[in-house]
Amino acid sequence: MEGLYTNHITMAIIEMIVVFAIFAIFARQPKLVPSKIQNIFEAYIDFTKNMIEENMGKKGMKYFPLIAGIGLFVFFGNLLGMIPGFESPTANINTTLALALLVFFIYNFEGIREQGFVKYFKHFFGPIKWMAPLFFILEIISHISRPITLALRLFANMTGGEILTVVLIFLVPLLVPLPIMFIHFFQVFLQTYVFMILTTVYIATAIIHSEH
């Protein structure tokens, strides 16, 4: 029973070691004529950079390490479950909830730091004074639901994909589950993108000074 609750930690540690090793080997000394691996790294950097600038402008680049780091952790965590004998740490609700709460606290902290405590929470009351209590309740519910949905979406998709793949491998010949494994592989990319873009949008909406 103890292993059930700690296995995701072991998988997360293995994942981080692998990621650090990949960067240490392939990205330590960039070349003028990039290799295929370097091209992948550069494409990921450009993708993350463009996503941040589209939502936050140039000033959002200070969040690049956070968003790029989360993306790498989620991607390799998702991918780990497709390797026989391994499990995705992102298929454990403890991992996804921890990531979602990290995003939740960071974007609220940055919103308060950027706009000030009073101005940040003033937006929660909406543009119509007599409806302020209703707007405030709805905003609180909306913000509380963000880490919950963020965690459950990633957890459910990765858990469902792993269970379906394992069941099909045991029930039918090896070649039959390949389409399902392809869908699972697509989900690895899709759920990584969803987590990254929502993290970016949450931070953007918190730090941008918008008028109602």
N, C-alpha and C. Protein backbone atom coordinates (compact mmCIF):
# COMPACT_ATOMS: atom_id res chain seq x y z
N MET A 1 0.83 -1.21 0.00
CA MET A 1 0.00 0.00 0.00
C MET A 1 0.86 1.26 0.00
N GLU A 2 1.97 1.21 0.72
CA GLU A 2 2.84 2.38 0.77
C GLU A 2 3.41 2.68 -0.61
N GLY A 3 3.76 1.62 -1.36
CA GLY A 3 4.31 1.82 -2.69
C GLY A 3 3.35 2.51 -3.62
N LEU A 4 2.03 2.27 -3.39
CA LEU A 4 1.01 2.89 -4.23
C LEU A 4 1.07 4.41 -4.14
N TYR A 5 1.41 4.92 -2.96
CA TYR A 5 1.41 6.36 -2.75
C TYR A 5 2.77 7.00 -3.00
N THR A 6 3.81 6.20 -3.05
CA THR A 6 5.15 6.76 -3.23
C THR A 6 5.74 6.48 -4.60
N ASN A 7 5.09 5.60 -5.37
CA ASN A 7 5.65 5.24 -6.66
C ASN A 7 5.72 6.44 -7.60
N HIS A 8 4.74 7.34 -7.52
CA HIS A 8 4.76 8.51 -8.39
C HIS A 8 5.94 9.42 -8.09
N ILE A 9 6.40 9.42 -6.82
CA ILE A 9 7.57 10.21 -6.45
C ILE A 9 8.82 9.61 -7.09
N THR A 10 8.92 8.29 -7.04
CA THR A 10 10.04 7.60 -7.67
C THR A 10 10.07 7.87 -9.17
N MET A 11 8.90 7.78 -9.80
CA MET A 11 8.80 8.04 -11.24
C MET A 11 9.19 9.49 -11.57
N ALA A 12 8.76 10.42 -10.72
CA ALA A 12 9.09 11.83 -10.95
C ALA A 12 10.59 12.07 -10.83
N ILE A 13 11.23 11.41 -9.87
CA ILE A 13 12.68 11.54 -9.69
C ILE A 13 13.41 10.96 -10.90
N ILE A 14 12.97 9.79 -11.36
CA ILE A 14 13.57 9.18 -12.56
C ILE A 14 13.42 10.10 -13.75
N GLU A 15 12.22 10.67 -13.90
CA GLU A 15 11.97 11.59 -15.01
C GLU A 15 12.91 12.78 -14.98
N MET A 16 13.08 13.41 -13.82
CA MET A 16 13.93 14.59 -13.71
C MET A 16 15.39 14.25 -14.00
N ILE A 17 15.83 13.07 -13.56
CA ILE A 17 17.20 12.63 -13.85
C ILE A 17 17.39 12.48 -15.35
N VAL A 18 16.39 11.89 -16.02
CA VAL A 18 16.46 11.70 -17.47
C VAL A 18 16.51 13.03 -18.19
N VAL A 19 15.66 13.97 -17.78
CA VAL A 19 15.61 15.29 -18.43
C VAL A 19 16.94 16.01 -18.26
N PHE A 20 17.48 16.02 -17.04
CA PHE A 20 18.77 16.66 -16.81
C PHE A 20 19.87 16.01 -17.63
N ALA A 21 19.82 14.69 -17.73
CA ALA A 21 20.83 13.97 -18.51
C ALA A 21 20.74 14.33 -19.99
N ILE A 22 19.52 14.42 -20.51
CA ILE A 22 19.33 14.77 -21.93
C ILE A 22 19.90 16.15 -22.21
N PHE A 23 19.60 17.10 -21.33
CA PHE A 23 20.11 18.46 -21.54
C PHE A 23 21.62 18.51 -21.36
N ALA A 24 22.15 17.77 -20.40
CA ALA A 24 23.59 17.78 -20.17
C ALA A 24 24.35 17.20 -21.35
N ILE A 25 23.75 16.19 -22.01
CA ILE A 25 24.43 15.52 -23.12
C ILE A 25 24.24 16.27 -24.43
N PHE A 26 23.00 16.66 -24.71
CA PHE A 26 22.68 17.16 -26.05
C PHE A 26 22.57 18.68 -26.17
N ALA A 27 22.35 19.37 -25.05
CA ALA A 27 22.13 20.82 -25.14
C ALA A 27 23.18 21.65 -24.41
N ARG A 28 24.22 21.00 -23.97
CA ARG A 28 25.24 21.71 -23.19
C ARG A 28 26.04 22.68 -24.06
N GLN A 29 26.38 22.24 -25.26
CA GLN A 29 27.18 23.06 -26.17
C GLN A 29 26.47 23.16 -27.53
N PRO A 30 25.62 24.17 -27.70
CA PRO A 30 24.91 24.33 -28.98
C PRO A 30 25.90 24.53 -30.13
N LYS A 31 25.56 23.97 -31.28
CA LYS A 31 26.42 24.06 -32.46
C LYS A 31 25.82 25.01 -33.48
N LEU A 32 26.70 25.62 -34.29
CA LEU A 32 26.23 26.52 -35.34
C LEU A 32 25.39 25.76 -36.37
N VAL A 33 25.79 24.53 -36.65
CA VAL A 33 24.98 23.66 -37.50
C VAL A 33 24.28 22.67 -36.56
N PRO A 34 23.02 22.96 -36.21
CA PRO A 34 22.37 22.18 -35.16
C PRO A 34 22.08 20.74 -35.58
N SER A 35 22.18 19.86 -34.61
CA SER A 35 21.78 18.47 -34.82
C SER A 35 20.26 18.37 -34.73
N LYS A 36 19.73 17.17 -34.98
CA LYS A 36 18.28 16.98 -34.90
C LYS A 36 17.75 17.23 -33.49
N ILE A 37 18.53 16.77 -32.50
CA ILE A 37 18.13 16.98 -31.11
C ILE A 37 18.14 18.46 -30.78
N GLN A 38 19.17 19.17 -31.22
CA GLN A 38 19.24 20.61 -30.96
C GLN A 38 18.09 21.35 -31.65
N ASN A 39 17.71 20.89 -32.84
CA ASN A 39 16.58 21.49 -33.54
C ASN A 39 15.29 21.35 -32.74
N ILE A 40 15.13 20.20 -32.09
CA ILE A 40 13.94 19.97 -31.26
C ILE A 40 13.94 20.92 -30.07
N PHE A 41 15.11 21.07 -29.41
CA PHE A 41 15.22 21.98 -28.28
C PHE A 41 14.90 23.42 -28.71
N GLU A 42 15.47 23.83 -29.84
CA GLU A 42 15.27 25.20 -30.31
C GLU A 42 13.81 25.44 -30.71
N ALA A 43 13.18 24.42 -31.30
CA ALA A 43 11.77 24.54 -31.67
C ALA A 43 10.91 24.70 -30.42
N TYR A 44 11.25 23.96 -29.37
CA TYR A 44 10.49 24.06 -28.12
C TYR A 44 10.68 25.43 -27.48
N ILE A 45 11.89 25.94 -27.49
CA ILE A 45 12.17 27.27 -26.94
C ILE A 45 11.39 28.34 -27.71
N ASP A 46 11.40 28.25 -29.04
CA ASP A 46 10.68 29.22 -29.87
C ASP A 46 9.17 29.13 -29.63
N PHE A 47 8.67 27.91 -29.51
CA PHE A 47 7.24 27.70 -29.27
C PHE A 47 6.82 28.34 -27.95
N THR A 48 7.59 28.07 -26.89
CA THR A 48 7.26 28.62 -25.58
C THR A 48 7.39 30.14 -25.56
N LYS A 49 8.43 30.65 -26.20
CA LYS A 49 8.65 32.09 -26.28
C LYS A 49 7.48 32.78 -26.99
N ASN A 50 7.06 32.24 -28.12
CA ASN A 50 5.95 32.83 -28.87
C ASN A 50 4.65 32.79 -28.08
N MET A 51 4.42 31.70 -27.38
CA MET A 51 3.20 31.57 -26.59
C MET A 51 3.15 32.61 -25.48
N ILE A 52 4.28 32.82 -24.83
CA ILE A 52 4.34 33.80 -23.75
C ILE A 52 4.16 35.22 -24.28
N GLU A 53 4.86 35.54 -25.36
CA GLU A 53 4.79 36.90 -25.91
C GLU A 53 3.40 37.22 -26.47
N GLU A 54 2.72 36.23 -27.03
CA GLU A 54 1.38 36.46 -27.55
C GLU A 54 0.38 36.78 -26.44
N ASN A 55 0.62 36.25 -25.26
CA ASN A 55 -0.32 36.44 -24.15
C ASN A 55 0.11 37.53 -23.17
N MET A 56 1.41 37.76 -23.04
CA MET A 56 1.88 38.71 -22.03
C MET A 56 2.81 39.78 -22.58
N GLY A 57 3.23 39.66 -23.82
CA GLY A 57 4.20 40.61 -24.35
C GLY A 57 5.60 40.26 -23.89
N LYS A 58 6.52 41.17 -24.17
CA LYS A 58 7.94 40.93 -23.84
C LYS A 58 8.17 40.78 -22.34
N LYS A 59 7.38 41.50 -21.54
CA LYS A 59 7.62 41.42 -20.09
C LYS A 59 7.31 40.05 -19.51
N GLY A 60 6.54 39.26 -20.27
CA GLY A 60 6.21 37.93 -19.80
C GLY A 60 7.36 36.95 -19.88
N MET A 61 8.47 37.35 -20.55
CA MET A 61 9.59 36.43 -20.71
C MET A 61 10.26 36.07 -19.39
N LYS A 62 10.01 36.85 -18.35
CA LYS A 62 10.59 36.48 -17.05
C LYS A 62 9.95 35.21 -16.50
N TYR A 63 8.80 34.82 -17.06
CA TYR A 63 8.15 33.59 -16.64
C TYR A 63 8.53 32.41 -17.55
N PHE A 64 9.43 32.65 -18.49
CA PHE A 64 9.84 31.60 -19.42
C PHE A 64 10.38 30.36 -18.69
N PRO A 65 11.31 30.50 -17.73
CA PRO A 65 11.82 29.29 -17.05
C PRO A 65 10.72 28.49 -16.37
N LEU A 66 9.76 29.19 -15.77
CA LEU A 66 8.66 28.49 -15.09
C LEU A 66 7.82 27.70 -16.08
N ILE A 67 7.35 28.37 -17.14
CA ILE A 67 6.44 27.73 -18.09
C ILE A 67 7.15 26.65 -18.90
N ALA A 68 8.38 26.93 -19.33
CA ALA A 68 9.14 25.92 -20.07
C ALA A 68 9.46 24.72 -19.18
N GLY A 69 9.79 24.98 -17.92
CA GLY A 69 10.08 23.90 -16.98
C GLY A 69 8.87 23.02 -16.71
N ILE A 70 7.71 23.66 -16.52
CA ILE A 70 6.48 22.90 -16.32
C ILE A 70 6.17 22.05 -17.54
N GLY A 71 6.36 22.65 -18.73
CA GLY A 71 6.10 21.92 -19.97
C GLY A 71 6.97 20.68 -20.09
N LEU A 72 8.25 20.80 -19.77
CA LEU A 72 9.16 19.66 -19.85
C LEU A 72 8.78 18.58 -18.84
N PHE A 73 8.44 19.00 -17.63
CA PHE A 73 8.07 18.03 -16.60
C PHE A 73 6.81 17.28 -16.99
N VAL A 74 5.80 18.00 -17.47
CA VAL A 74 4.55 17.37 -17.85
C VAL A 74 4.75 16.45 -19.05
N PHE A 75 5.50 16.91 -20.05
CA PHE A 75 5.70 16.10 -21.26
C PHE A 75 6.41 14.79 -20.95
N PHE A 76 7.56 14.88 -20.30
CA PHE A 76 8.32 13.66 -20.02
C PHE A 76 7.60 12.79 -18.98
N GLY A 77 6.85 13.43 -18.09
CA GLY A 77 6.05 12.66 -17.15
C GLY A 77 4.96 11.88 -17.86
N ASN A 78 4.30 12.53 -18.82
CA ASN A 78 3.29 11.84 -19.63
C ASN A 78 3.92 10.71 -20.45
N LEU A 79 5.08 10.98 -21.02
CA LEU A 79 5.74 10.03 -21.93
C LEU A 79 6.24 8.80 -21.19
N LEU A 80 6.60 8.98 -19.93
CA LEU A 80 7.19 7.88 -19.16
C LEU A 80 6.25 6.68 -19.07
N GLY A 81 4.95 6.96 -19.03
CA GLY A 81 3.98 5.88 -18.89
C GLY A 81 3.85 5.01 -20.13
N MET A 82 4.41 5.43 -21.25
CA MET A 82 4.34 4.63 -22.46
C MET A 82 5.49 3.63 -22.54
N ILE A 83 6.41 3.70 -21.60
CA ILE A 83 7.54 2.77 -21.56
C ILE A 83 7.17 1.59 -20.66
N PRO A 84 7.24 0.36 -21.16
CA PRO A 84 6.90 -0.81 -20.32
C PRO A 84 7.68 -0.84 -19.01
N GLY A 85 6.96 -1.07 -17.94
CA GLY A 85 7.59 -1.14 -16.62
C GLY A 85 7.61 0.18 -15.87
N PHE A 86 7.20 1.26 -16.53
CA PHE A 86 7.18 2.57 -15.89
C PHE A 86 5.75 3.10 -15.82
N GLU A 87 5.54 4.07 -14.94
CA GLU A 87 4.24 4.72 -14.81
C GLU A 87 4.43 6.23 -14.93
N SER A 88 3.43 6.89 -15.45
CA SER A 88 3.49 8.35 -15.55
C SER A 88 3.26 8.97 -14.18
N PRO A 89 4.18 9.81 -13.70
CA PRO A 89 3.89 10.52 -12.45
C PRO A 89 2.68 11.44 -12.61
N THR A 90 2.42 11.86 -13.85
CA THR A 90 1.27 12.72 -14.12
C THR A 90 -0.04 11.94 -14.16
N ALA A 91 0.03 10.61 -14.02
CA ALA A 91 -1.17 9.79 -13.91
C ALA A 91 -1.53 9.58 -12.44
N ASN A 92 -0.89 10.36 -11.58
CA ASN A 92 -1.18 10.32 -10.14
C ASN A 92 -1.71 11.69 -9.73
N ILE A 93 -2.84 11.72 -9.06
CA ILE A 93 -3.50 12.98 -8.71
C ILE A 93 -2.64 13.84 -7.79
N ASN A 94 -1.77 13.21 -7.00
CA ASN A 94 -0.90 13.98 -6.11
C ASN A 94 0.07 14.86 -6.91
N THR A 95 0.60 14.30 -8.01
CA THR A 95 1.54 15.05 -8.85
C THR A 95 0.82 16.19 -9.56
N THR A 96 -0.29 15.89 -10.21
CA THR A 96 -0.99 16.91 -10.99
C THR A 96 -1.56 18.01 -10.09
N LEU A 97 -2.03 17.63 -8.90
CA LEU A 97 -2.55 18.64 -7.97
C LEU A 97 -1.44 19.54 -7.45
N ALA A 98 -0.28 18.96 -7.20
CA ALA A 98 0.87 19.76 -6.76
C ALA A 98 1.26 20.78 -7.82
N LEU A 99 1.30 20.34 -9.10
CA LEU A 99 1.61 21.26 -10.19
C LEU A 99 0.55 22.35 -10.32
N ALA A 100 -0.71 21.96 -10.23
CA ALA A 100 -1.80 22.92 -10.37
C ALA A 100 -1.80 23.95 -9.23
N LEU A 101 -1.52 23.49 -8.01
CA LEU A 101 -1.46 24.42 -6.88
C LEU A 101 -0.26 25.36 -7.00
N LEU A 102 0.84 24.85 -7.55
CA LEU A 102 2.00 25.70 -7.81
C LEU A 102 1.61 26.84 -8.74
N VAL A 103 0.93 26.50 -9.83
CA VAL A 103 0.47 27.52 -10.78
C VAL A 103 -0.50 28.48 -10.11
N PHE A 104 -1.41 27.97 -9.31
CA PHE A 104 -2.42 28.78 -8.62
C PHE A 104 -1.76 29.83 -7.72
N PHE A 105 -0.83 29.39 -6.89
CA PHE A 105 -0.19 30.32 -5.96
C PHE A 105 0.71 31.32 -6.68
N ILE A 106 1.38 30.88 -7.73
CA ILE A 106 2.27 31.78 -8.46
C ILE A 106 1.50 32.88 -9.16
N TYR A 107 0.41 32.53 -9.88
CA TYR A 107 -0.28 33.57 -10.62
C TYR A 107 -0.99 34.55 -9.70
N ASN A 108 -1.48 34.07 -8.55
CA ASN A 108 -2.09 35.00 -7.59
C ASN A 108 -1.04 35.89 -6.95
N PHE A 109 0.09 35.30 -6.61
CA PHE A 109 1.19 36.08 -6.03
C PHE A 109 1.67 37.15 -7.00
N GLU A 110 1.85 36.76 -8.26
CA GLU A 110 2.33 37.71 -9.27
C GLU A 110 1.29 38.79 -9.54
N GLY A 111 0.01 38.42 -9.52
CA GLY A 111 -1.04 39.40 -9.72
C GLY A 111 -1.04 40.45 -8.62
N ILE A 112 -0.89 40.01 -7.37
CA ILE A 112 -0.85 40.94 -6.24
C ILE A 112 0.41 41.79 -6.29
N ARG A 113 1.54 41.17 -6.64
CA ARG A 113 2.80 41.90 -6.71
C ARG A 113 2.78 42.95 -7.82
N GLU A 114 2.14 42.60 -8.94
CA GLU A 114 2.14 43.49 -10.09
C GLU A 114 1.12 44.63 -9.93
N GLN A 115 -0.05 44.32 -9.40
CA GLN A 115 -1.11 45.32 -9.35
C GLN A 115 -1.33 45.91 -7.96
N GLY A 116 -0.82 45.23 -6.95
CA GLY A 116 -1.10 45.64 -5.58
C GLY A 116 -2.29 44.85 -5.05
N PHE A 117 -2.32 44.63 -3.75
CA PHE A 117 -3.34 43.78 -3.13
C PHE A 117 -4.74 44.30 -3.40
N VAL A 118 -4.97 45.59 -3.16
CA VAL A 118 -6.32 46.17 -3.28
C VAL A 118 -6.80 46.12 -4.72
N LYS A 119 -5.97 46.57 -5.65
CA LYS A 119 -6.38 46.64 -7.05
C LYS A 119 -6.60 45.25 -7.63
N TYR A 120 -5.78 44.29 -7.22
CA TYR A 120 -5.93 42.93 -7.74
C TYR A 120 -7.28 42.34 -7.35
N PHE A 121 -7.62 42.46 -6.06
CA PHE A 121 -8.88 41.88 -5.61
C PHE A 121 -10.08 42.76 -5.92
N LYS A 122 -9.83 44.02 -6.28
CA LYS A 122 -10.93 44.90 -6.68
C LYS A 122 -11.60 44.38 -7.94
N HIS A 123 -10.81 43.77 -8.83
CA HIS A 123 -11.37 43.21 -10.06
C HIS A 123 -12.36 42.08 -9.77
N PHE A 124 -12.24 41.47 -8.60
CA PHE A 124 -13.12 40.37 -8.26
C PHE A 124 -14.57 40.83 -8.08
N PHE A 125 -14.77 42.13 -7.83
CA PHE A 125 -16.10 42.64 -7.53
C PHE A 125 -16.87 43.08 -8.78
N GLY A 126 -16.22 43.03 -9.94
CA GLY A 126 -16.91 43.32 -11.18
C GLY A 126 -17.17 44.79 -11.43
N PRO A 127 -17.80 45.11 -12.58
CA PRO A 127 -17.99 46.51 -12.97
C PRO A 127 -19.27 47.15 -12.42
N ILE A 128 -20.18 46.33 -11.91
CA ILE A 128 -21.47 46.86 -11.44
C ILE A 128 -21.52 46.76 -9.92
N LYS A 129 -21.63 47.90 -9.27
CA LYS A 129 -21.49 47.95 -7.81
C LYS A 129 -22.55 47.11 -7.09
N TRP A 130 -23.81 47.23 -7.53
CA TRP A 130 -24.87 46.53 -6.79
C TRP A 130 -24.81 45.01 -7.00
N MET A 131 -24.03 44.57 -8.01
CA MET A 131 -23.86 43.13 -8.23
C MET A 131 -22.50 42.63 -7.72
N ALA A 132 -21.78 43.51 -7.01
CA ALA A 132 -20.44 43.17 -6.54
C ALA A 132 -20.38 41.89 -5.70
N PRO A 133 -21.31 41.68 -4.75
CA PRO A 133 -21.24 40.42 -3.97
C PRO A 133 -21.36 39.17 -4.83
N LEU A 134 -22.25 39.23 -5.84
CA LEU A 134 -22.42 38.08 -6.72
C LEU A 134 -21.16 37.85 -7.56
N PHE A 135 -20.62 38.94 -8.13
CA PHE A 135 -19.40 38.83 -8.92
C PHE A 135 -18.26 38.26 -8.08
N PHE A 136 -18.15 38.72 -6.84
CA PHE A 136 -17.07 38.27 -5.96
C PHE A 136 -17.17 36.77 -5.71
N ILE A 137 -18.38 36.29 -5.42
CA ILE A 137 -18.57 34.85 -5.18
C ILE A 137 -18.21 34.05 -6.43
N LEU A 138 -18.67 34.52 -7.58
CA LEU A 138 -18.38 33.82 -8.83
C LEU A 138 -16.89 33.79 -9.14
N GLU A 139 -16.20 34.91 -8.87
CA GLU A 139 -14.76 34.97 -9.11
C GLU A 139 -14.01 34.02 -8.18
N ILE A 140 -14.41 33.97 -6.93
CA ILE A 140 -13.77 33.07 -5.97
C ILE A 140 -13.95 31.62 -6.41
N ILE A 141 -15.18 31.27 -6.81
CA ILE A 141 -15.45 29.91 -7.28
C ILE A 141 -14.61 29.61 -8.53
N SER A 142 -14.54 30.59 -9.43
CA SER A 142 -13.77 30.41 -10.66
C SER A 142 -12.30 30.15 -10.37
N HIS A 143 -11.72 30.92 -9.45
CA HIS A 143 -10.30 30.77 -9.14
C HIS A 143 -10.02 29.47 -8.39
N ILE A 144 -10.92 29.08 -7.50
CA ILE A 144 -10.72 27.83 -6.76
C ILE A 144 -10.83 26.63 -7.70
N SER A 145 -11.72 26.74 -8.69
CA SER A 145 -11.92 25.62 -9.62
C SER A 145 -10.74 25.44 -10.58
N ARG A 146 -9.94 26.48 -10.77
CA ARG A 146 -8.83 26.39 -11.73
C ARG A 146 -7.83 25.29 -11.39
N PRO A 147 -7.27 25.27 -10.18
CA PRO A 147 -6.32 24.19 -9.90
C PRO A 147 -6.97 22.81 -9.88
N ILE A 148 -8.25 22.76 -9.50
CA ILE A 148 -8.94 21.47 -9.47
C ILE A 148 -9.09 20.91 -10.88
N THR A 149 -9.61 21.74 -11.79
CA THR A 149 -9.81 21.27 -13.17
C THR A 149 -8.48 21.03 -13.87
N LEU A 150 -7.49 21.87 -13.56
CA LEU A 150 -6.17 21.70 -14.17
C LEU A 150 -5.56 20.37 -13.77
N ALA A 151 -5.70 20.02 -12.49
CA ALA A 151 -5.14 18.76 -11.99
C ALA A 151 -5.93 17.57 -12.51
N LEU A 152 -7.25 17.65 -12.46
CA LEU A 152 -8.08 16.51 -12.85
C LEU A 152 -7.99 16.22 -14.35
N ARG A 153 -7.89 17.27 -15.17
CA ARG A 153 -7.82 17.07 -16.61
C ARG A 153 -6.57 16.25 -16.99
N LEU A 154 -5.43 16.66 -16.47
CA LEU A 154 -4.18 15.95 -16.78
C LEU A 154 -4.20 14.55 -16.20
N PHE A 155 -4.61 14.44 -14.95
CA PHE A 155 -4.66 13.13 -14.28
C PHE A 155 -5.58 12.15 -15.00
N ALA A 156 -6.78 12.60 -15.36
CA ALA A 156 -7.77 11.71 -15.98
C ALA A 156 -7.31 11.24 -17.35
N ASN A 157 -6.76 12.15 -18.15
CA ASN A 157 -6.33 11.78 -19.49
C ASN A 157 -5.16 10.81 -19.47
N MET A 158 -4.19 11.06 -18.60
CA MET A 158 -3.04 10.17 -18.55
C MET A 158 -3.39 8.82 -17.92
N THR A 159 -4.22 8.82 -16.89
CA THR A 159 -4.62 7.56 -16.26
C THR A 159 -5.45 6.73 -17.22
N GLY A 160 -6.42 7.38 -17.88
CA GLY A 160 -7.26 6.66 -18.82
C GLY A 160 -6.48 6.06 -19.97
N GLY A 161 -5.52 6.83 -20.50
CA GLY A 161 -4.70 6.32 -21.60
C GLY A 161 -3.87 5.13 -21.20
N GLU A 162 -3.28 5.18 -20.00
CA GLU A 162 -2.44 4.07 -19.54
C GLU A 162 -3.27 2.81 -19.30
N ILE A 163 -4.42 2.97 -18.66
CA ILE A 163 -5.26 1.81 -18.35
C ILE A 163 -5.75 1.14 -19.64
N LEU A 164 -6.20 1.97 -20.58
CA LEU A 164 -6.71 1.42 -21.84
C LEU A 164 -5.62 0.70 -22.62
N THR A 165 -4.43 1.27 -22.65
CA THR A 165 -3.32 0.65 -23.37
C THR A 165 -2.94 -0.69 -22.75
N VAL A 166 -2.83 -0.73 -21.43
CA VAL A 166 -2.45 -1.97 -20.73
C VAL A 166 -3.50 -3.05 -20.93
N VAL A 167 -4.78 -2.69 -20.81
CA VAL A 167 -5.85 -3.67 -20.96
C VAL A 167 -5.85 -4.26 -22.37
N LEU A 168 -5.69 -3.42 -23.38
CA LEU A 168 -5.70 -3.91 -24.76
C LEU A 168 -4.51 -4.80 -25.06
N ILE A 169 -3.35 -4.47 -24.49
CA ILE A 169 -2.16 -5.29 -24.72
C ILE A 169 -2.36 -6.70 -24.16
N PHE A 170 -3.05 -6.81 -23.02
CA PHE A 170 -3.29 -8.11 -22.41
C PHE A 170 -4.42 -8.89 -23.10
N LEU A 171 -5.39 -8.18 -23.67
CA LEU A 171 -6.56 -8.84 -24.21
C LEU A 171 -6.45 -9.21 -25.68
N VAL A 172 -5.69 -8.43 -26.44
CA VAL A 172 -5.63 -8.64 -27.89
C VAL A 172 -4.18 -8.72 -28.35
N PRO A 173 -3.95 -9.18 -29.58
CA PRO A 173 -2.57 -9.26 -30.10
C PRO A 173 -1.88 -7.90 -30.09
N LEU A 174 -0.56 -7.95 -30.17
CA LEU A 174 0.27 -6.76 -29.99
C LEU A 174 -0.06 -5.64 -30.97
N LEU A 175 -0.32 -5.99 -32.25
CA LEU A 175 -0.50 -4.95 -33.25
C LEU A 175 -1.83 -4.22 -33.14
N VAL A 176 -2.83 -4.85 -32.52
CA VAL A 176 -4.15 -4.23 -32.44
C VAL A 176 -4.16 -2.96 -31.59
N PRO A 177 -3.44 -2.91 -30.43
CA PRO A 177 -3.49 -1.69 -29.61
C PRO A 177 -2.70 -0.52 -30.18
N LEU A 178 -2.01 -0.70 -31.31
CA LEU A 178 -1.18 0.39 -31.83
C LEU A 178 -1.95 1.69 -32.08
N PRO A 179 -3.16 1.64 -32.67
CA PRO A 179 -3.91 2.90 -32.84
C PRO A 179 -4.20 3.60 -31.51
N ILE A 180 -4.52 2.80 -30.47
CA ILE A 180 -4.78 3.39 -29.15
C ILE A 180 -3.50 4.00 -28.59
N MET A 181 -2.38 3.34 -28.80
CA MET A 181 -1.11 3.88 -28.33
C MET A 181 -0.75 5.17 -29.06
N PHE A 182 -1.12 5.23 -30.34
CA PHE A 182 -0.89 6.46 -31.09
C PHE A 182 -1.73 7.60 -30.52
N ILE A 183 -2.98 7.30 -30.18
CA ILE A 183 -3.85 8.31 -29.57
C ILE A 183 -3.28 8.75 -28.22
N HIS A 184 -2.78 7.78 -27.46
CA HIS A 184 -2.16 8.09 -26.16
C HIS A 184 -0.94 8.99 -26.36
N PHE A 185 -0.14 8.69 -27.40
CA PHE A 185 1.03 9.50 -27.69
C PHE A 185 0.62 10.92 -28.07
N PHE A 186 -0.48 11.05 -28.82
CA PHE A 186 -1.01 12.37 -29.17
C PHE A 186 -1.45 13.11 -27.91
N GLN A 187 -2.06 12.38 -26.97
CA GLN A 187 -2.50 12.99 -25.72
C GLN A 187 -1.32 13.51 -24.90
N VAL A 188 -0.18 12.84 -25.01
CA VAL A 188 1.03 13.31 -24.31
C VAL A 188 1.35 14.73 -24.72
N PHE A 189 1.31 15.01 -26.02
CA PHE A 189 1.59 16.35 -26.53
C PHE A 189 0.44 17.31 -26.19
N LEU A 190 -0.79 16.84 -26.42
CA LEU A 190 -1.94 17.72 -26.23
C LEU A 190 -2.07 18.19 -24.79
N GLN A 191 -1.95 17.28 -23.83
CA GLN A 191 -2.10 17.65 -22.43
C GLN A 191 -0.95 18.51 -21.94
N THR A 192 0.23 18.33 -22.53
CA THR A 192 1.35 19.22 -22.20
C THR A 192 1.04 20.63 -22.66
N TYR A 193 0.54 20.75 -23.90
CA TYR A 193 0.18 22.07 -24.43
C TYR A 193 -0.91 22.73 -23.60
N VAL A 194 -1.95 21.96 -23.26
CA VAL A 194 -3.07 22.51 -22.49
C VAL A 194 -2.58 23.05 -21.14
N PHE A 195 -1.72 22.29 -20.47
CA PHE A 195 -1.22 22.73 -19.16
C PHE A 195 -0.39 23.99 -19.31
N MET A 196 0.45 24.03 -20.35
CA MET A 196 1.30 25.21 -20.57
C MET A 196 0.49 26.45 -20.93
N ILE A 197 -0.47 26.31 -21.84
CA ILE A 197 -1.23 27.48 -22.28
C ILE A 197 -2.12 28.00 -21.17
N LEU A 198 -2.71 27.12 -20.36
CA LEU A 198 -3.54 27.58 -19.24
C LEU A 198 -2.68 28.27 -18.18
N THR A 199 -1.50 27.74 -17.93
CA THR A 199 -0.58 28.41 -17.00
C THR A 199 -0.24 29.80 -17.49
N THR A 200 0.04 29.92 -18.77
CA THR A 200 0.37 31.21 -19.38
C THR A 200 -0.81 32.18 -19.29
N VAL A 201 -2.00 31.70 -19.61
CA VAL A 201 -3.19 32.56 -19.59
C VAL A 201 -3.51 33.00 -18.16
N TYR A 202 -3.39 32.10 -17.20
CA TYR A 202 -3.68 32.47 -15.80
C TYR A 202 -2.73 33.56 -15.31
N ILE A 203 -1.46 33.42 -15.62
CA ILE A 203 -0.49 34.45 -15.22
C ILE A 203 -0.78 35.75 -15.95
N ALA A 204 -1.07 35.66 -17.24
CA ALA A 204 -1.34 36.86 -18.05
C ALA A 204 -2.53 37.64 -17.51
N THR A 205 -3.62 36.95 -17.21
CA THR A 205 -4.82 37.64 -16.71
C THR A 205 -4.59 38.22 -15.32
N ALA A 206 -3.65 37.67 -14.57
CA ALA A 206 -3.37 38.17 -13.23
C ALA A 206 -2.50 39.42 -13.25
N ILE A 207 -1.56 39.50 -14.19
CA ILE A 207 -0.61 40.61 -14.17
C ILE A 207 -0.98 41.76 -15.08
N ILE A 208 -1.87 41.50 -16.07
CA ILE A 208 -2.23 42.57 -16.99
C ILE A 208 -3.26 43.49 -16.33
N HIS A 209 -2.98 44.79 -16.40
CA HIS A 209 -3.86 45.78 -15.79
C HIS A 209 -5.02 46.02 -16.73
N SER A 210 -6.13 45.34 -16.48
CA SER A 210 -7.30 45.49 -17.34
C SER A 210 -8.36 46.34 -16.65
N GLU A 211 -9.10 47.08 -17.45
CA GLU A 211 -10.17 47.90 -16.95
C GLU A 211 -11.50 47.26 -17.32
N HIS A 212 -12.43 47.26 -16.37
CA HIS A 212 -13.74 46.68 -16.64
C HIS A 212 -14.56 47.69 -17.45
